[in-house]
Protein backbone atom coordinates (compact mmCIF):
# COMPACT_ATOMS: atom_id res chain seq x y z
CA MET A 1 159.97 136.87 172.66
CA THR A 2 163.18 138.71 173.16
CA ILE A 3 166.87 138.35 172.45
CA ASN A 4 168.96 140.33 174.97
CA PHE A 5 172.33 141.49 173.35
CA ILE A 6 174.48 142.18 176.90
CA ARG A 7 177.56 143.92 175.34
CA GLU A 8 175.65 146.08 173.28
CA GLU A 9 172.57 146.76 175.96
CA LYS A 10 170.17 146.08 173.25
CA GLU A 11 166.86 144.04 173.41
CA VAL A 12 165.73 142.55 170.02
CA VAL A 13 162.12 141.09 169.38
CA ALA A 14 161.95 138.09 167.33
CA ALA A 15 159.54 135.65 165.93
CA THR A 16 160.13 132.21 167.33
CA GLY A 17 162.23 130.11 165.43
CA ALA A 18 164.27 133.25 164.35
CA ASN A 19 167.95 132.96 163.15
CA LEU A 20 170.38 134.37 165.94
CA ARG A 21 172.71 135.23 163.19
CA GLU A 22 170.19 137.15 161.05
CA LYS A 23 168.46 138.84 163.97
CA ALA A 24 171.77 140.58 165.01
CA LEU A 25 172.68 141.91 161.83
CA GLN A 26 169.02 143.20 160.99
CA ASN A 27 169.53 144.99 164.14
CA GLY A 28 173.24 146.27 163.59
CA ILE A 29 174.63 143.90 166.01
CA ASP A 30 178.04 143.07 165.33
CA LEU A 31 179.24 139.40 165.57
CA TYR A 32 182.71 139.40 164.09
CA THR A 33 186.10 140.12 165.28
CA LEU A 34 188.24 141.64 162.31
CA LYS A 35 189.03 138.09 160.99
CA GLY A 36 185.48 136.87 160.86
CA LYS A 37 184.32 140.43 158.97
CA LEU A 38 187.15 139.41 156.29
CA MET A 39 186.74 135.62 156.45
CA ASN A 40 182.83 134.89 157.38
CA CYS A 41 181.01 132.49 155.14
CA GLY A 42 177.83 134.64 154.82
CA GLY A 43 176.00 132.29 157.43
CA TYR A 44 176.46 128.70 156.18
CA GLY A 45 178.12 127.26 159.21
CA GLN A 46 181.33 126.69 157.29
CA CYS A 47 183.61 129.27 158.92
CA GLY A 48 182.89 129.27 162.55
CA THR A 49 183.55 132.83 163.18
CA CYS A 50 180.04 133.93 164.65
CA ILE A 51 180.41 132.34 168.08
CA VAL A 52 178.36 134.06 170.72
CA GLU A 53 178.09 132.85 174.43
CA ILE A 54 174.50 132.12 175.54
CA VAL A 55 174.41 133.48 178.85
CA GLU A 56 170.58 132.66 179.67
CA GLY A 57 167.76 130.64 178.04
CA MET A 58 170.18 127.89 176.52
CA GLU A 59 167.03 125.85 176.79
CA ASN A 60 165.12 128.06 174.22
CA LEU A 61 167.38 127.29 171.28
CA SER A 62 167.66 124.62 168.62
CA GLU A 63 169.78 121.65 169.18
CA PRO A 64 173.42 122.17 168.20
CA THR A 65 174.04 121.17 164.44
CA GLU A 66 176.57 118.31 163.88
CA PHE A 67 178.66 121.07 162.14
CA GLU A 68 178.53 123.50 165.17
CA GLN A 69 179.45 120.47 167.45
CA ARG A 70 182.76 119.78 165.30
CA LYS A 71 183.49 123.47 165.36
CA LEU A 72 183.04 123.96 169.07
CA LYS A 73 184.20 120.96 170.59
CA LYS A 74 186.84 122.81 172.52
CA LYS A 75 184.75 125.38 173.60
CA PRO A 76 182.32 126.04 176.56
CA SER A 77 179.19 124.21 176.19
CA ASN A 78 177.37 127.49 176.35
CA TYR A 79 178.88 128.85 173.12
CA ARG A 80 176.95 128.35 169.91
CA LEU A 81 177.52 129.46 166.12
CA ALA A 82 174.73 132.43 165.51
CA CYS A 83 174.24 131.13 161.92
CA GLN A 84 173.27 127.71 163.43
CA THR A 85 170.85 128.72 165.99
CA LEU A 86 167.20 128.93 166.06
CA VAL A 87 165.61 131.18 168.81
CA ASN A 88 162.25 129.48 170.30
CA GLY A 89 162.20 131.59 173.47
CA PRO A 90 163.80 134.42 175.40
CA VAL A 91 167.43 134.49 175.34
CA SER A 92 170.48 136.74 176.54
CA VAL A 93 173.99 136.56 174.39
CA LYS A 94 177.17 137.86 174.57
CA THR A 95 178.68 138.63 171.62
CA LYS A 96 182.43 137.81 170.48
CA PRO A 97 183.19 135.94 173.65
């Protein structure tokens, strides 16, 4: 299955259950604004700086974690934390929404 990173115009092939943050970083996709580059927690779901917008394929993702629901409470429902998101089918993603 593929993850389509819209801003970067890049399609990445991933195995089912792949972590969205790890696949992005492995493929040179920058998830972080300057603050996120300085403050990110390394993928443990603590900082909330790896926010992405899911444009298509929301149904192909793991359920949001409790931490994610708290961090994204005031954000649109199609926003996810890349480090907490497992991809189980094709998805289109916008980084740094």
